[in-house]
Amino acid sequence: MDEQERRRRAHDADVTVWVGKGGVSAVVEELRDQLRERDLVKVKFLRAARGGTTTEDLAAELAEAADAELFETRGNTAVYVR
């Protein structure tokens, strides 16, 4: 899948993982599981999770913890790919 196709699919995808006050560690396994089943997963970082940090920082932290590739962040969402 080329980058343009990936961007189109990311735009159309529904959020399937939400990061809340439990933080990144609460969703690591869920992200791993979803990436086993599909090649693209959209994650929303709720205000309770962001605290004093940025979506980009949290998205990078989750990518590292879940051994996933961060494709892009936009607003309070991030897209991960296998």
C-alpha atoms as a PDB file:
ATOM      1  CA  MET A   1       0.000   0.000   0.000  1.00  0.00           C
ATOM      2  CA  ASP A   2       1.481   3.344  -1.010  1.00  0.00           C
ATOM      3  CA  GLU A   3       1.440   6.417   1.222  1.00  0.00           C
ATOM      4  CA  GLN A   4      -1.461   8.104  -0.562  1.00  0.00           C
ATOM      5  CA  GLU A   5      -3.629   4.995  -0.183  1.00  0.00           C
ATOM      6  CA  ARG A   6      -2.587   4.689   3.468  1.00  0.00           C
ATOM      7  CA  ARG A   7      -3.542   8.327   4.118  1.00  0.00           C
ATOM      8  CA  ARG A   8      -6.951   7.802   2.491  1.00  0.00           C
ATOM      9  CA  ARG A   9      -7.596   4.696   4.583  1.00  0.00           C
ATOM     10  CA  ALA A  10      -6.404   6.475   7.745  1.00  0.00           C
ATOM     11  CA  HIS A  11      -8.797   9.345   7.075  1.00  0.00           C
ATOM     12  CA  ASP A  12     -11.749   6.988   6.554  1.00  0.00           C
ATOM     13  CA  ALA A  13     -10.941   4.714   9.510  1.00  0.00           C
ATOM     14  CA  ASP A  14     -12.894   4.842  12.740  1.00  0.00           C
ATOM     15  CA  VAL A  15     -11.138   5.237  16.075  1.00  0.00           C
ATOM     16  CA  THR A  16     -10.957   1.806  17.728  1.00  0.00           C
ATOM     17  CA  VAL A  17      -8.654   2.544  20.692  1.00  0.00           C
ATOM     18  CA  TRP A  18      -9.113   5.357  23.208  1.00  0.00           C
ATOM     19  CA  VAL A  19      -6.368   6.437  25.613  1.00  0.00           C
ATOM     20  CA  GLY A  20      -7.854   7.969  28.751  1.00  0.00           C
ATOM     21  CA  LYS A  21      -6.818   8.532  32.338  1.00  0.00           C
ATOM     22  CA  GLY A  22      -5.302   5.016  32.491  1.00  0.00           C
ATOM     23  CA  GLY A  23      -2.631   6.298  30.120  1.00  0.00           C
ATOM     24  CA  VAL A  24      -0.675   4.599  27.379  1.00  0.00           C
ATOM     25  CA  SER A  25       0.148   1.474  29.382  1.00  0.00           C
ATOM     26  CA  ALA A  26      -3.563   0.623  29.664  1.00  0.00           C
ATOM     27  CA  VAL A  27      -3.938   0.167  25.877  1.00  0.00           C
ATOM     28  CA  VAL A  28      -0.626  -1.365  24.757  1.00  0.00           C
ATOM     29  CA  GLU A  29      -1.993  -4.911  24.493  1.00  0.00           C
ATOM     30  CA  GLU A  30      -5.192  -3.720  22.805  1.00  0.00           C
ATOM     31  CA  LEU A  31      -3.189  -1.912  20.116  1.00  0.00           C
ATOM     32  CA  ARG A  32      -0.977  -4.978  19.588  1.00  0.00           C
ATOM     33  CA  ASP A  33      -4.042  -7.215  19.268  1.00  0.00           C
ATOM     34  CA  GLN A  34      -5.748  -4.918  16.788  1.00  0.00           C
ATOM     35  CA  LEU A  35      -2.598  -4.600  14.663  1.00  0.00           C
ATOM     36  CA  ARG A  36      -2.471  -8.402  14.422  1.00  0.00           C
ATOM     37  CA  GLU A  37      -5.968  -8.341  12.915  1.00  0.00           C
ATOM     38  CA  ARG A  38      -5.696  -5.280  10.671  1.00  0.00           C
ATOM     39  CA  ASP A  39      -2.929  -3.261   9.099  1.00  0.00           C
ATOM     40  CA  LEU A  40      -4.082   0.167  10.323  1.00  0.00           C
ATOM     41  CA  VAL A  41      -5.420   1.262  13.734  1.00  0.00           C
ATOM     42  CA  LYS A  42      -6.622   4.731  14.725  1.00  0.00           C
ATOM     43  CA  VAL A  43      -6.141   5.836  18.348  1.00  0.00           C
ATOM     44  CA  LYS A  44      -7.715   8.841  20.094  1.00  0.00           C
ATOM     45  CA  PHE A  45      -5.924  10.492  23.017  1.00  0.00           C
ATOM     46  CA  LEU A  46      -8.530  11.944  25.362  1.00  0.00           C
ATOM     47  CA  ARG A  47      -7.887  15.077  27.422  1.00  0.00           C
ATOM     48  CA  ALA A  48      -7.491  12.998  30.611  1.00  0.00           C
ATOM     49  CA  ALA A  49      -4.536  11.168  29.039  1.00  0.00           C
ATOM     50  CA  ARG A  50      -2.784  14.235  27.666  1.00  0.00           C
ATOM     51  CA  GLY A  51      -2.331  16.097  30.941  1.00  0.00           C
ATOM     52  CA  GLY A  52       0.747  18.259  30.453  1.00  0.00           C
ATOM     53  CA  THR A  53       2.113  16.411  27.439  1.00  0.00           C
ATOM     54  CA  THR A  54       1.366  16.457  23.714  1.00  0.00           C
ATOM     55  CA  THR A  55      -0.465  13.986  21.539  1.00  0.00           C
ATOM     56  CA  GLU A  56       2.736  13.515  19.547  1.00  0.00           C
ATOM     57  CA  ASP A  57       4.707  12.542  22.661  1.00  0.00           C
ATOM     58  CA  LEU A  58       2.018  10.122  23.825  1.00  0.00           C
ATOM     59  CA  ALA A  59       1.684   8.644  20.339  1.00  0.00           C
ATOM     60  CA  ALA A  60       5.444   8.020  20.156  1.00  0.00           C
ATOM     61  CA  GLU A  61       5.415   6.474  23.639  1.00  0.00           C
ATOM     62  CA  LEU A  62       2.588   4.116  22.645  1.00  0.00           C
ATOM     63  CA  ALA A  63       4.317   3.164  19.399  1.00  0.00           C
ATOM     64  CA  GLU A  64       7.452   2.198  21.298  1.00  0.00           C
ATOM     65  CA  ALA A  65       5.572   0.285  24.004  1.00  0.00           C
ATOM     66  CA  ALA A  66       3.453  -1.650  21.488  1.00  0.00           C
ATOM     67  CA  ASP A  67       6.285  -2.149  18.986  1.00  0.00           C
ATOM     68  CA  ALA A  68       4.105  -0.471  16.366  1.00  0.00           C
ATOM     69  CA  GLU A  69       4.885   1.986  13.598  1.00  0.00           C
ATOM     70  CA  LEU A  70       3.410   5.451  14.082  1.00  0.00           C
ATOM     71  CA  PHE A  71       2.156   6.554  10.674  1.00  0.00           C
ATOM     72  CA  GLU A  72       0.807  10.010  11.535  1.00  0.00           C
ATOM     73  CA  THR A  73      -0.737  12.182  14.203  1.00  0.00           C
ATOM     74  CA  ARG A  74      -3.448  14.712  13.533  1.00  0.00           C
ATOM     75  CA  GLY A  75      -5.146  16.680  16.269  1.00  0.00           C
ATOM     76  CA  ASN A  76      -5.716  14.287  19.155  1.00  0.00           C
ATOM     77  CA  THR A  77      -5.567  11.121  17.058  1.00  0.00           C
ATOM     78  CA  ALA A  78      -2.757   8.910  15.866  1.00  0.00           C
ATOM     79  CA  VAL A  79      -2.625   6.224  13.209  1.00  0.00           C
ATOM     80  CA  TYR A  80      -0.497   3.107  13.658  1.00  0.00           C
ATOM     81  CA  VAL A  81       0.418   0.545  11.025  1.00  0.00           C
ATOM     82  CA  ARG A  82       1.955  -2.894  11.088  1.00  0.00           C
END
